[in-house]
N, C-alpha and C. Protein backbone atom coordinates (compact mmCIF):
# COMPACT_ATOMS: atom_id res chain seq x y z
N UNK A 1 -23.28 45.23 -51.40
CA UNK A 1 -22.51 45.70 -50.23
C UNK A 1 -21.06 45.92 -50.69
N UNK A 2 -20.48 47.05 -50.26
CA UNK A 2 -19.13 47.38 -50.68
C UNK A 2 -18.10 46.50 -49.97
N UNK A 3 -16.89 46.46 -50.52
CA UNK A 3 -15.81 45.69 -49.92
C UNK A 3 -15.49 46.20 -48.52
N UNK A 4 -15.55 47.51 -48.33
CA UNK A 4 -15.25 48.10 -47.02
C UNK A 4 -16.30 47.65 -45.99
N UNK A 5 -17.55 47.62 -46.40
CA UNK A 5 -18.62 47.20 -45.49
C UNK A 5 -18.45 45.73 -45.11
N UNK A 6 -18.07 44.91 -46.10
CA UNK A 6 -17.84 43.49 -45.81
C UNK A 6 -16.70 43.31 -44.83
N UNK A 7 -15.60 44.05 -45.02
CA UNK A 7 -14.47 43.95 -44.11
C UNK A 7 -14.84 44.41 -42.71
N UNK A 8 -15.64 45.46 -42.62
CA UNK A 8 -16.06 45.96 -41.31
C UNK A 8 -16.91 44.93 -40.58
N UNK A 9 -17.81 44.26 -41.32
CA UNK A 9 -18.66 43.23 -40.71
C UNK A 9 -17.82 42.05 -40.22
N UNK A 10 -16.80 41.69 -41.01
CA UNK A 10 -15.92 40.59 -40.62
C UNK A 10 -15.15 40.92 -39.34
N UNK A 11 -14.61 42.14 -39.26
CA UNK A 11 -13.86 42.56 -38.08
C UNK A 11 -14.75 42.56 -36.85
N UNK A 12 -15.98 43.04 -36.99
CA UNK A 12 -16.93 43.04 -35.87
C UNK A 12 -17.25 41.62 -35.41
N UNK A 13 -17.40 40.69 -36.35
CA UNK A 13 -17.72 39.30 -36.00
C UNK A 13 -16.55 38.66 -35.25
N UNK A 14 -15.32 38.90 -35.69
CA UNK A 14 -14.15 38.36 -35.02
C UNK A 14 -14.03 38.93 -33.61
N UNK A 15 -14.24 40.22 -33.48
CA UNK A 15 -14.15 40.87 -32.17
C UNK A 15 -15.21 40.32 -31.22
N UNK A 16 -16.39 40.06 -31.74
CA UNK A 16 -17.47 39.52 -30.90
C UNK A 16 -17.12 38.13 -30.40
N UNK A 17 -16.56 37.28 -31.25
CA UNK A 17 -16.16 35.94 -30.84
C UNK A 17 -15.09 35.99 -29.77
N UNK A 18 -14.11 36.89 -29.94
CA UNK A 18 -13.02 36.98 -28.98
C UNK A 18 -13.51 37.45 -27.63
N UNK A 19 -14.41 38.43 -27.61
CA UNK A 19 -14.88 38.97 -26.33
C UNK A 19 -15.80 38.02 -25.60
N UNK A 20 -16.46 37.11 -26.33
CA UNK A 20 -17.37 36.17 -25.68
C UNK A 20 -16.66 34.95 -25.15
N UNK A 21 -15.33 34.84 -25.39
CA UNK A 21 -14.57 33.71 -24.87
C UNK A 21 -14.59 32.52 -25.78
N UNK A 22 -15.11 32.69 -27.03
CA UNK A 22 -15.20 31.57 -27.94
C UNK A 22 -13.86 31.00 -28.34
N UNK A 23 -12.78 31.79 -28.18
CA UNK A 23 -11.48 31.29 -28.59
C UNK A 23 -10.68 30.68 -27.47
N UNK A 24 -11.22 30.63 -26.25
CA UNK A 24 -10.43 30.10 -25.14
C UNK A 24 -10.66 28.62 -24.99
N UNK A 25 -9.60 27.87 -24.69
CA UNK A 25 -9.73 26.43 -24.51
C UNK A 25 -10.05 26.14 -23.06
N UNK A 26 -11.13 25.73 -22.71
CA UNK A 26 -11.49 25.49 -21.32
C UNK A 26 -12.97 25.69 -21.15
N UNK A 27 -13.53 26.50 -22.02
CA UNK A 27 -14.97 26.60 -22.08
C UNK A 27 -15.60 27.56 -21.12
N UNK A 28 -15.38 27.43 -19.84
CA UNK A 28 -16.05 28.27 -18.87
C UNK A 28 -15.03 29.16 -18.19
N UNK A 29 -15.56 30.19 -17.52
CA UNK A 29 -14.68 31.12 -16.83
C UNK A 29 -15.09 31.26 -15.39
N UNK A 30 -14.12 31.53 -14.54
CA UNK A 30 -14.38 31.78 -13.14
C UNK A 30 -14.99 33.16 -12.99
N UNK A 31 -15.54 33.50 -11.80
CA UNK A 31 -16.16 34.81 -11.60
C UNK A 31 -15.25 35.97 -11.98
N UNK A 32 -13.94 35.84 -11.80
CA UNK A 32 -13.01 36.92 -12.16
C UNK A 32 -12.70 36.97 -13.64
N UNK A 33 -13.28 36.09 -14.44
CA UNK A 33 -13.04 36.08 -15.86
C UNK A 33 -11.93 35.14 -16.29
N UNK A 34 -11.23 34.52 -15.34
CA UNK A 34 -10.13 33.61 -15.67
C UNK A 34 -10.70 32.27 -16.14
N UNK A 35 -10.19 31.74 -17.28
CA UNK A 35 -10.71 30.45 -17.77
C UNK A 35 -10.49 29.33 -16.73
N UNK A 36 -11.47 28.44 -16.65
CA UNK A 36 -11.39 27.30 -15.73
C UNK A 36 -11.08 26.05 -16.55
N UNK A 37 -10.00 25.35 -16.18
CA UNK A 37 -9.61 24.17 -16.92
C UNK A 37 -10.52 22.99 -16.60
N UNK A 38 -10.46 21.97 -17.46
CA UNK A 38 -11.26 20.77 -17.23
C UNK A 38 -10.87 20.10 -15.92
N UNK A 39 -9.56 20.12 -15.60
CA UNK A 39 -9.10 19.51 -14.35
C UNK A 39 -9.65 20.26 -13.14
N UNK A 40 -9.69 21.60 -13.22
CA UNK A 40 -10.23 22.38 -12.11
C UNK A 40 -11.72 22.10 -11.92
N UNK A 41 -12.44 21.97 -13.02
CA UNK A 41 -13.87 21.63 -12.91
C UNK A 41 -14.04 20.25 -12.30
N UNK A 42 -13.18 19.30 -12.70
CA UNK A 42 -13.26 17.94 -12.17
C UNK A 42 -12.95 17.93 -10.68
N UNK A 43 -11.94 18.67 -10.27
CA UNK A 43 -11.59 18.74 -8.85
C UNK A 43 -12.75 19.30 -8.03
N UNK A 44 -13.40 20.33 -8.57
CA UNK A 44 -14.50 20.98 -7.85
C UNK A 44 -15.69 20.04 -7.65
N UNK A 45 -15.82 19.03 -8.51
CA UNK A 45 -16.95 18.10 -8.39
C UNK A 45 -16.71 17.02 -7.34
N UNK A 46 -15.47 16.88 -6.88
CA UNK A 46 -15.15 15.83 -5.92
C UNK A 46 -15.42 16.28 -4.48
N UNK A 47 -15.75 15.32 -3.64
CA UNK A 47 -15.87 15.57 -2.21
C UNK A 47 -14.46 15.76 -1.64
N UNK A 48 -14.31 16.72 -0.74
CA UNK A 48 -13.00 16.93 -0.11
C UNK A 48 -12.62 15.73 0.75
N UNK A 49 -11.33 15.52 0.90
CA UNK A 49 -10.84 14.45 1.76
C UNK A 49 -11.18 14.76 3.21
N UNK A 50 -11.40 13.74 4.03
CA UNK A 50 -11.72 13.98 5.44
C UNK A 50 -10.55 14.61 6.18
N UNK A 51 -10.88 15.42 7.18
CA UNK A 51 -9.86 16.03 8.03
C UNK A 51 -9.52 15.07 9.16
N UNK A 52 -8.32 15.19 9.72
CA UNK A 52 -7.95 14.32 10.85
C UNK A 52 -8.99 14.42 11.97
N UNK A 53 -9.38 13.26 12.49
CA UNK A 53 -10.43 13.21 13.51
C UNK A 53 -9.88 13.28 14.93
N UNK A 54 -8.59 13.01 15.07
CA UNK A 54 -8.00 12.96 16.41
C UNK A 54 -8.17 11.62 17.09
N UNK A 55 -8.81 10.67 16.38
CA UNK A 55 -9.00 9.33 16.95
C UNK A 55 -7.65 8.60 17.00
N UNK A 56 -7.50 7.67 17.94
CA UNK A 56 -6.25 6.90 18.05
C UNK A 56 -5.95 6.15 16.75
N UNK A 57 -4.67 6.08 16.41
CA UNK A 57 -4.23 5.42 15.18
C UNK A 57 -3.32 4.26 15.53
N UNK A 58 -3.62 3.09 14.98
CA UNK A 58 -2.80 1.91 15.24
C UNK A 58 -1.52 1.95 14.41
N UNK A 59 -0.50 1.26 14.90
CA UNK A 59 0.71 1.10 14.09
C UNK A 59 0.38 0.17 12.93
N UNK A 60 0.94 0.48 11.80
CA UNK A 60 0.69 -0.35 10.62
C UNK A 60 1.43 0.23 9.43
N UNK A 61 1.38 -0.43 8.29
CA UNK A 61 2.16 -0.01 7.12
C UNK A 61 1.75 1.33 6.53
N UNK A 62 0.51 1.78 6.79
CA UNK A 62 0.05 3.05 6.23
C UNK A 62 0.24 4.24 7.17
N UNK A 63 0.64 3.95 8.41
CA UNK A 63 0.76 5.04 9.38
C UNK A 63 1.81 6.06 8.93
N UNK A 64 1.41 7.34 8.95
CA UNK A 64 2.31 8.41 8.57
C UNK A 64 2.43 8.64 7.07
N UNK A 65 1.73 7.84 6.26
CA UNK A 65 1.79 8.00 4.81
C UNK A 65 0.91 9.18 4.40
N UNK A 66 1.51 10.16 3.74
CA UNK A 66 0.80 11.37 3.33
C UNK A 66 0.73 11.46 1.81
N UNK A 67 -0.49 11.70 1.30
CA UNK A 67 -0.71 11.88 -0.14
C UNK A 67 -1.55 13.13 -0.34
N UNK A 68 -1.53 13.67 -1.55
CA UNK A 68 -2.29 14.88 -1.84
C UNK A 68 -3.73 14.55 -2.23
N UNK A 69 -4.65 15.34 -1.68
CA UNK A 69 -6.08 15.16 -1.96
C UNK A 69 -6.37 15.59 -3.41
N UNK A 70 -7.17 14.82 -4.12
CA UNK A 70 -7.50 15.13 -5.50
C UNK A 70 -8.33 16.40 -5.64
N UNK A 71 -9.18 16.70 -4.66
CA UNK A 71 -10.08 17.83 -4.81
C UNK A 71 -9.39 19.18 -4.69
N UNK A 72 -8.32 19.27 -3.89
CA UNK A 72 -7.70 20.57 -3.68
C UNK A 72 -6.17 20.54 -3.58
N UNK A 73 -5.57 19.36 -3.71
CA UNK A 73 -4.11 19.25 -3.68
C UNK A 73 -3.48 19.32 -2.31
N UNK A 74 -4.29 19.42 -1.26
CA UNK A 74 -3.72 19.53 0.08
C UNK A 74 -3.25 18.16 0.57
N UNK A 75 -2.17 18.13 1.38
CA UNK A 75 -1.65 16.85 1.88
C UNK A 75 -2.60 16.22 2.90
N UNK A 76 -2.68 14.89 2.86
CA UNK A 76 -3.57 14.15 3.75
C UNK A 76 -2.81 12.97 4.33
N UNK A 77 -2.72 12.93 5.66
CA UNK A 77 -2.17 11.77 6.36
C UNK A 77 -3.28 10.71 6.37
N UNK A 78 -3.08 9.64 5.62
CA UNK A 78 -4.16 8.67 5.41
C UNK A 78 -4.77 8.14 6.70
N UNK A 79 -3.96 7.54 7.57
CA UNK A 79 -4.54 6.91 8.75
C UNK A 79 -5.08 7.94 9.74
N UNK A 80 -4.42 9.09 9.86
CA UNK A 80 -4.91 10.12 10.78
C UNK A 80 -6.25 10.66 10.34
N UNK A 81 -6.42 10.86 9.02
CA UNK A 81 -7.67 11.41 8.51
C UNK A 81 -8.80 10.38 8.51
N UNK A 82 -8.46 9.11 8.32
CA UNK A 82 -9.49 8.09 8.20
C UNK A 82 -9.83 7.43 9.54
N UNK A 83 -8.95 7.57 10.55
CA UNK A 83 -9.21 6.93 11.84
C UNK A 83 -10.50 7.45 12.45
N UNK A 84 -11.19 6.57 13.14
CA UNK A 84 -12.45 6.93 13.78
C UNK A 84 -13.63 6.17 13.23
N UNK A 85 -13.51 5.71 11.98
CA UNK A 85 -14.52 4.82 11.41
C UNK A 85 -13.89 3.99 10.31
N UNK A 86 -14.50 2.86 9.98
CA UNK A 86 -13.91 2.00 8.95
C UNK A 86 -13.78 2.73 7.61
N UNK A 87 -12.87 2.24 6.78
CA UNK A 87 -12.65 2.87 5.47
C UNK A 87 -12.32 1.82 4.42
N UNK A 88 -12.63 2.15 3.19
CA UNK A 88 -12.28 1.34 2.03
C UNK A 88 -11.46 2.22 1.10
N UNK A 89 -10.19 1.87 0.92
CA UNK A 89 -9.32 2.58 -0.02
C UNK A 89 -9.29 1.77 -1.31
N UNK A 90 -9.69 2.41 -2.41
CA UNK A 90 -9.71 1.73 -3.70
C UNK A 90 -8.59 2.23 -4.59
N UNK A 91 -7.63 1.34 -4.88
CA UNK A 91 -6.51 1.67 -5.75
C UNK A 91 -6.92 1.44 -7.20
N UNK A 92 -6.76 2.46 -8.04
CA UNK A 92 -7.22 2.39 -9.42
C UNK A 92 -6.33 3.29 -10.29
N UNK A 93 -6.55 3.24 -11.61
CA UNK A 93 -5.86 4.14 -12.53
C UNK A 93 -6.77 4.41 -13.72
N UNK A 94 -6.56 5.54 -14.37
CA UNK A 94 -7.44 5.97 -15.47
C UNK A 94 -7.47 4.98 -16.62
N UNK A 95 -6.39 4.23 -16.84
CA UNK A 95 -6.29 3.32 -17.98
C UNK A 95 -6.83 1.92 -17.69
N UNK A 96 -7.26 1.68 -16.47
CA UNK A 96 -7.67 0.35 -16.02
C UNK A 96 -9.16 0.10 -16.32
N UNK A 97 -9.42 -0.84 -17.23
CA UNK A 97 -10.80 -1.17 -17.60
C UNK A 97 -11.65 -1.68 -16.44
N UNK A 98 -11.19 -2.69 -15.70
CA UNK A 98 -11.98 -3.16 -14.56
C UNK A 98 -12.22 -2.08 -13.50
N UNK A 99 -11.28 -1.14 -13.38
CA UNK A 99 -11.47 -0.03 -12.43
C UNK A 99 -12.67 0.83 -12.86
N UNK A 100 -12.77 1.07 -14.17
CA UNK A 100 -13.88 1.88 -14.68
C UNK A 100 -15.23 1.22 -14.45
N UNK A 101 -15.24 -0.11 -14.44
CA UNK A 101 -16.49 -0.82 -14.15
C UNK A 101 -16.79 -0.82 -12.65
N UNK A 102 -15.74 -0.82 -11.84
CA UNK A 102 -15.91 -0.92 -10.39
C UNK A 102 -16.24 0.42 -9.73
N UNK A 103 -15.65 1.51 -10.21
CA UNK A 103 -15.83 2.81 -9.56
C UNK A 103 -17.29 3.23 -9.40
N UNK A 104 -18.14 3.08 -10.42
CA UNK A 104 -19.56 3.43 -10.20
C UNK A 104 -20.23 2.58 -9.12
N UNK A 105 -19.80 1.31 -8.98
CA UNK A 105 -20.34 0.46 -7.92
C UNK A 105 -19.92 0.99 -6.55
N UNK A 106 -18.68 1.45 -6.45
CA UNK A 106 -18.20 2.02 -5.19
C UNK A 106 -18.94 3.31 -4.85
N UNK A 107 -19.24 4.10 -5.89
CA UNK A 107 -20.02 5.33 -5.65
C UNK A 107 -21.40 4.98 -5.11
N UNK A 108 -22.04 3.98 -5.73
CA UNK A 108 -23.37 3.56 -5.27
C UNK A 108 -23.31 3.00 -3.85
N UNK A 109 -22.27 2.21 -3.57
CA UNK A 109 -22.12 1.66 -2.23
C UNK A 109 -21.93 2.78 -1.21
N UNK A 110 -21.08 3.74 -1.52
CA UNK A 110 -20.84 4.86 -0.61
C UNK A 110 -22.11 5.65 -0.36
N UNK A 111 -22.90 5.88 -1.41
CA UNK A 111 -24.17 6.59 -1.24
C UNK A 111 -25.11 5.81 -0.34
N UNK A 112 -25.09 4.50 -0.49
CA UNK A 112 -25.97 3.64 0.32
C UNK A 112 -25.48 3.52 1.75
N UNK A 113 -24.16 3.44 1.93
CA UNK A 113 -23.60 3.24 3.27
C UNK A 113 -23.65 4.50 4.12
N UNK A 114 -23.83 5.64 3.46
CA UNK A 114 -23.93 6.93 4.15
C UNK A 114 -22.69 7.19 4.99
N UNK A 115 -22.86 7.45 6.29
CA UNK A 115 -21.72 7.85 7.13
C UNK A 115 -21.07 6.69 7.86
N UNK A 116 -21.45 5.45 7.55
CA UNK A 116 -20.93 4.32 8.32
C UNK A 116 -19.52 3.90 7.91
N UNK A 117 -19.08 4.29 6.71
CA UNK A 117 -17.75 3.93 6.22
C UNK A 117 -17.29 4.99 5.23
N UNK A 118 -16.00 5.26 5.23
CA UNK A 118 -15.42 6.19 4.26
C UNK A 118 -14.89 5.41 3.06
N UNK A 119 -15.29 5.82 1.87
CA UNK A 119 -14.75 5.23 0.64
C UNK A 119 -13.84 6.28 0.01
N UNK A 120 -12.57 5.93 -0.15
CA UNK A 120 -11.57 6.87 -0.66
C UNK A 120 -10.89 6.25 -1.88
N UNK A 121 -10.87 6.97 -3.00
CA UNK A 121 -10.18 6.47 -4.19
C UNK A 121 -8.71 6.88 -4.12
N UNK A 122 -7.84 6.00 -4.64
CA UNK A 122 -6.40 6.25 -4.64
C UNK A 122 -5.92 6.09 -6.09
N UNK A 123 -5.74 7.22 -6.79
CA UNK A 123 -5.33 7.14 -8.18
C UNK A 123 -3.85 6.80 -8.26
N UNK A 124 -3.56 5.57 -8.66
CA UNK A 124 -2.21 5.00 -8.59
C UNK A 124 -1.48 5.14 -9.92
N UNK A 125 -1.32 6.40 -10.36
CA UNK A 125 -0.67 6.69 -11.64
C UNK A 125 -0.28 8.16 -11.65
N UNK A 126 0.82 8.53 -12.34
CA UNK A 126 1.22 9.94 -12.39
C UNK A 126 0.27 10.83 -13.20
N UNK A 127 -0.59 10.25 -14.04
CA UNK A 127 -1.46 11.04 -14.91
C UNK A 127 -2.68 11.58 -14.18
N UNK A 128 -2.47 12.55 -13.31
CA UNK A 128 -3.57 13.07 -12.49
C UNK A 128 -4.68 13.67 -13.34
N UNK A 129 -4.33 14.46 -14.36
CA UNK A 129 -5.34 15.10 -15.20
C UNK A 129 -6.20 14.05 -15.90
N UNK A 130 -5.57 12.97 -16.36
CA UNK A 130 -6.34 11.90 -17.01
C UNK A 130 -7.21 11.17 -16.00
N UNK A 131 -6.71 11.02 -14.77
CA UNK A 131 -7.52 10.42 -13.72
C UNK A 131 -8.74 11.25 -13.41
N UNK A 132 -8.56 12.57 -13.32
CA UNK A 132 -9.68 13.47 -13.04
C UNK A 132 -10.70 13.42 -14.17
N UNK A 133 -10.22 13.37 -15.41
CA UNK A 133 -11.13 13.29 -16.55
C UNK A 133 -11.92 11.99 -16.52
N UNK A 134 -11.26 10.91 -16.11
CA UNK A 134 -11.94 9.61 -16.02
C UNK A 134 -13.04 9.66 -14.97
N UNK A 135 -12.74 10.25 -13.81
CA UNK A 135 -13.75 10.37 -12.75
C UNK A 135 -14.94 11.18 -13.23
N UNK A 136 -14.68 12.27 -13.94
CA UNK A 136 -15.76 13.10 -14.47
C UNK A 136 -16.62 12.31 -15.43
N UNK A 137 -15.97 11.59 -16.33
CA UNK A 137 -16.69 10.80 -17.32
C UNK A 137 -17.57 9.72 -16.70
N UNK A 138 -17.12 9.19 -15.56
CA UNK A 138 -17.87 8.13 -14.88
C UNK A 138 -18.89 8.69 -13.87
N UNK A 139 -18.87 10.00 -13.66
CA UNK A 139 -19.79 10.60 -12.70
C UNK A 139 -19.44 10.30 -11.25
N UNK A 140 -18.14 10.14 -10.97
CA UNK A 140 -17.69 9.80 -9.62
C UNK A 140 -17.33 11.08 -8.86
N UNK A 141 -17.85 11.23 -7.65
CA UNK A 141 -17.51 12.40 -6.83
C UNK A 141 -16.98 11.99 -5.45
N UNK A 142 -16.53 10.76 -5.31
CA UNK A 142 -15.95 10.29 -4.06
C UNK A 142 -14.68 11.08 -3.73
N UNK A 143 -14.34 11.21 -2.45
CA UNK A 143 -13.06 11.82 -2.12
C UNK A 143 -11.93 10.91 -2.62
N UNK A 144 -10.81 11.52 -2.97
CA UNK A 144 -9.71 10.72 -3.50
C UNK A 144 -8.37 11.38 -3.27
N UNK A 145 -7.31 10.59 -3.41
CA UNK A 145 -5.95 11.09 -3.28
C UNK A 145 -5.13 10.67 -4.50
N UNK A 146 -4.04 11.43 -4.73
CA UNK A 146 -3.10 11.13 -5.81
C UNK A 146 -1.98 10.25 -5.24
N UNK A 147 -1.68 9.17 -5.94
CA UNK A 147 -0.59 8.29 -5.50
C UNK A 147 0.28 7.93 -6.71
N UNK A 148 0.98 8.93 -7.30
CA UNK A 148 1.73 8.69 -8.53
C UNK A 148 2.85 7.67 -8.39
N UNK A 149 3.37 7.51 -7.18
CA UNK A 149 4.47 6.57 -6.95
C UNK A 149 4.02 5.26 -6.33
N UNK A 150 2.72 5.00 -6.35
CA UNK A 150 2.10 3.77 -5.81
C UNK A 150 2.59 3.45 -4.40
N UNK A 151 2.63 4.46 -3.54
CA UNK A 151 3.12 4.27 -2.17
C UNK A 151 2.20 3.36 -1.36
N UNK A 152 0.89 3.47 -1.59
CA UNK A 152 -0.05 2.64 -0.82
C UNK A 152 0.16 1.17 -1.17
N UNK A 153 0.22 0.89 -2.48
CA UNK A 153 0.42 -0.51 -2.91
C UNK A 153 1.71 -1.08 -2.35
N UNK A 154 2.78 -0.29 -2.38
CA UNK A 154 4.07 -0.73 -1.87
C UNK A 154 4.00 -0.97 -0.36
N UNK A 155 3.37 -0.03 0.35
CA UNK A 155 3.31 -0.12 1.82
C UNK A 155 2.56 -1.36 2.29
N UNK A 156 1.49 -1.72 1.58
CA UNK A 156 0.69 -2.87 2.03
C UNK A 156 1.16 -4.18 1.41
N UNK A 157 2.16 -4.12 0.52
CA UNK A 157 2.70 -5.33 -0.08
C UNK A 157 1.77 -5.99 -1.08
N UNK A 158 0.97 -5.18 -1.76
CA UNK A 158 0.02 -5.72 -2.73
C UNK A 158 0.70 -5.97 -4.07
N UNK A 159 0.19 -6.89 -4.86
CA UNK A 159 0.77 -7.15 -6.19
C UNK A 159 0.52 -5.97 -7.13
N UNK A 160 1.27 -5.92 -8.22
CA UNK A 160 1.18 -4.83 -9.19
C UNK A 160 0.03 -5.05 -10.15
N UNK A 161 -1.17 -5.09 -9.60
CA UNK A 161 -2.39 -5.22 -10.40
C UNK A 161 -3.40 -4.19 -9.88
N UNK A 162 -4.38 -3.88 -10.70
CA UNK A 162 -5.46 -2.98 -10.31
C UNK A 162 -6.77 -3.54 -10.84
N UNK A 163 -7.88 -3.28 -10.15
CA UNK A 163 -7.99 -2.53 -8.90
C UNK A 163 -7.67 -3.40 -7.68
N UNK A 164 -7.35 -2.73 -6.59
CA UNK A 164 -7.16 -3.36 -5.28
C UNK A 164 -7.90 -2.51 -4.26
N UNK A 165 -8.58 -3.14 -3.33
CA UNK A 165 -9.23 -2.41 -2.24
C UNK A 165 -8.59 -2.79 -0.92
N UNK A 166 -8.29 -1.76 -0.13
CA UNK A 166 -7.70 -1.94 1.20
C UNK A 166 -8.78 -1.61 2.22
N UNK A 167 -9.17 -2.60 3.02
CA UNK A 167 -10.19 -2.37 4.04
C UNK A 167 -9.51 -2.05 5.37
N UNK A 168 -9.83 -0.88 5.90
CA UNK A 168 -9.21 -0.40 7.14
C UNK A 168 -10.22 -0.42 8.29
N UNK A 169 -9.76 -0.86 9.45
CA UNK A 169 -10.58 -0.78 10.66
C UNK A 169 -10.63 0.68 11.13
N UNK A 170 -11.45 0.93 12.14
CA UNK A 170 -11.63 2.30 12.63
C UNK A 170 -10.35 2.88 13.21
N UNK A 171 -9.43 2.04 13.65
CA UNK A 171 -8.16 2.55 14.18
C UNK A 171 -7.08 2.70 13.10
N UNK A 172 -7.45 2.46 11.84
CA UNK A 172 -6.52 2.61 10.73
C UNK A 172 -5.73 1.37 10.39
N UNK A 173 -5.89 0.31 11.16
CA UNK A 173 -5.17 -0.93 10.85
C UNK A 173 -5.87 -1.64 9.68
N UNK A 174 -5.09 -2.46 8.97
CA UNK A 174 -5.61 -3.13 7.77
C UNK A 174 -6.33 -4.42 8.16
N UNK A 175 -7.58 -4.53 7.72
CA UNK A 175 -8.36 -5.74 7.96
C UNK A 175 -8.17 -6.74 6.82
N UNK A 176 -8.13 -6.24 5.58
CA UNK A 176 -8.02 -7.15 4.43
C UNK A 176 -7.63 -6.39 3.17
N UNK A 177 -6.88 -7.07 2.31
CA UNK A 177 -6.63 -6.59 0.95
C UNK A 177 -7.53 -7.39 0.01
N UNK A 178 -8.30 -6.69 -0.78
CA UNK A 178 -9.16 -7.35 -1.76
C UNK A 178 -8.51 -7.16 -3.13
N UNK A 179 -7.87 -8.21 -3.62
CA UNK A 179 -7.09 -8.13 -4.87
C UNK A 179 -7.94 -8.67 -6.01
N UNK A 180 -9.02 -8.00 -6.28
CA UNK A 180 -9.93 -8.34 -7.37
C UNK A 180 -10.93 -7.20 -7.51
N UNK A 181 -11.56 -7.06 -8.66
CA UNK A 181 -12.62 -6.05 -8.77
C UNK A 181 -13.92 -6.55 -8.13
N UNK A 182 -14.63 -5.66 -7.50
CA UNK A 182 -15.97 -6.01 -7.01
C UNK A 182 -16.91 -6.12 -8.20
N UNK A 183 -17.86 -7.04 -8.09
CA UNK A 183 -18.77 -7.31 -9.21
C UNK A 183 -20.13 -6.61 -9.08
N UNK A 184 -20.48 -6.20 -7.86
CA UNK A 184 -21.78 -5.56 -7.63
C UNK A 184 -21.72 -4.78 -6.33
N UNK A 185 -22.73 -3.95 -6.12
CA UNK A 185 -22.83 -3.21 -4.86
C UNK A 185 -22.99 -4.18 -3.70
N UNK A 186 -23.77 -5.24 -3.91
CA UNK A 186 -23.95 -6.24 -2.85
C UNK A 186 -22.65 -6.97 -2.54
N UNK A 187 -21.83 -7.20 -3.56
CA UNK A 187 -20.52 -7.82 -3.36
C UNK A 187 -19.68 -6.95 -2.43
N UNK A 188 -19.68 -5.64 -2.67
CA UNK A 188 -18.94 -4.72 -1.80
C UNK A 188 -19.51 -4.77 -0.39
N UNK A 189 -20.83 -4.66 -0.29
CA UNK A 189 -21.49 -4.63 1.03
C UNK A 189 -21.22 -5.91 1.81
N UNK A 190 -21.29 -7.06 1.15
CA UNK A 190 -21.05 -8.34 1.84
C UNK A 190 -19.61 -8.46 2.32
N UNK A 191 -18.66 -8.00 1.48
CA UNK A 191 -17.24 -8.07 1.85
C UNK A 191 -16.95 -7.14 3.02
N UNK A 192 -17.48 -5.95 2.97
CA UNK A 192 -17.28 -4.97 4.05
C UNK A 192 -17.91 -5.48 5.34
N UNK A 193 -19.09 -6.08 5.26
CA UNK A 193 -19.75 -6.61 6.46
C UNK A 193 -18.93 -7.74 7.07
N UNK A 194 -18.40 -8.62 6.22
CA UNK A 194 -17.64 -9.77 6.72
C UNK A 194 -16.31 -9.35 7.34
N UNK A 195 -15.65 -8.36 6.76
CA UNK A 195 -14.30 -8.00 7.20
C UNK A 195 -14.27 -6.86 8.21
N UNK A 196 -15.27 -5.97 8.15
CA UNK A 196 -15.24 -4.79 9.02
C UNK A 196 -16.45 -4.71 9.97
N UNK A 197 -17.41 -5.60 9.75
CA UNK A 197 -18.60 -5.59 10.63
C UNK A 197 -19.53 -4.43 10.36
N UNK A 198 -19.39 -3.78 9.20
CA UNK A 198 -20.25 -2.65 8.84
C UNK A 198 -21.29 -3.13 7.84
N UNK A 199 -22.56 -2.91 8.14
CA UNK A 199 -23.63 -3.31 7.24
C UNK A 199 -24.24 -2.10 6.57
N UNK A 200 -24.37 -2.19 5.25
CA UNK A 200 -24.91 -1.07 4.48
C UNK A 200 -25.96 -1.57 3.49
């Protein structure tokens, strides 16, 4: 094969790789051909945050606190959106080992509890992209919010440790702070039943 033929084959191979998207960092493309980032794929896998129900909201430390939803970045008034049924807010961060062990248990509990309680993750760190990657790696699709300034922890007066779970009554008032990791799905279910009267 001549040198010209070899060069032509090389140019064709490079052009083929470029047109197939092999050189783009992100792997997949949206319908319009725009590359989709890992964070965008992670966001798409999450359940959207609940919309405000219009149910009465009690006065308390979380009332009026607004954070951005992890799935789409839209602002969410915590107590307004969660009022109407009990909720479990789980404060965690991508770098927290016990959080990584607890999150799959919370996912299983949420799947088991169905519509009787809302389980909402609260990523308490500025590293949103790392948090999303952690959720993807753990197979978590729970609704969640970004809390880079740890506003929830500050509002409820919790210590600077993770994970922490905040159990909310149906009116948005705080029933209990659980300042420890849950050890099993039954541990979560028993704690929720004792503090919120919800059995799952």
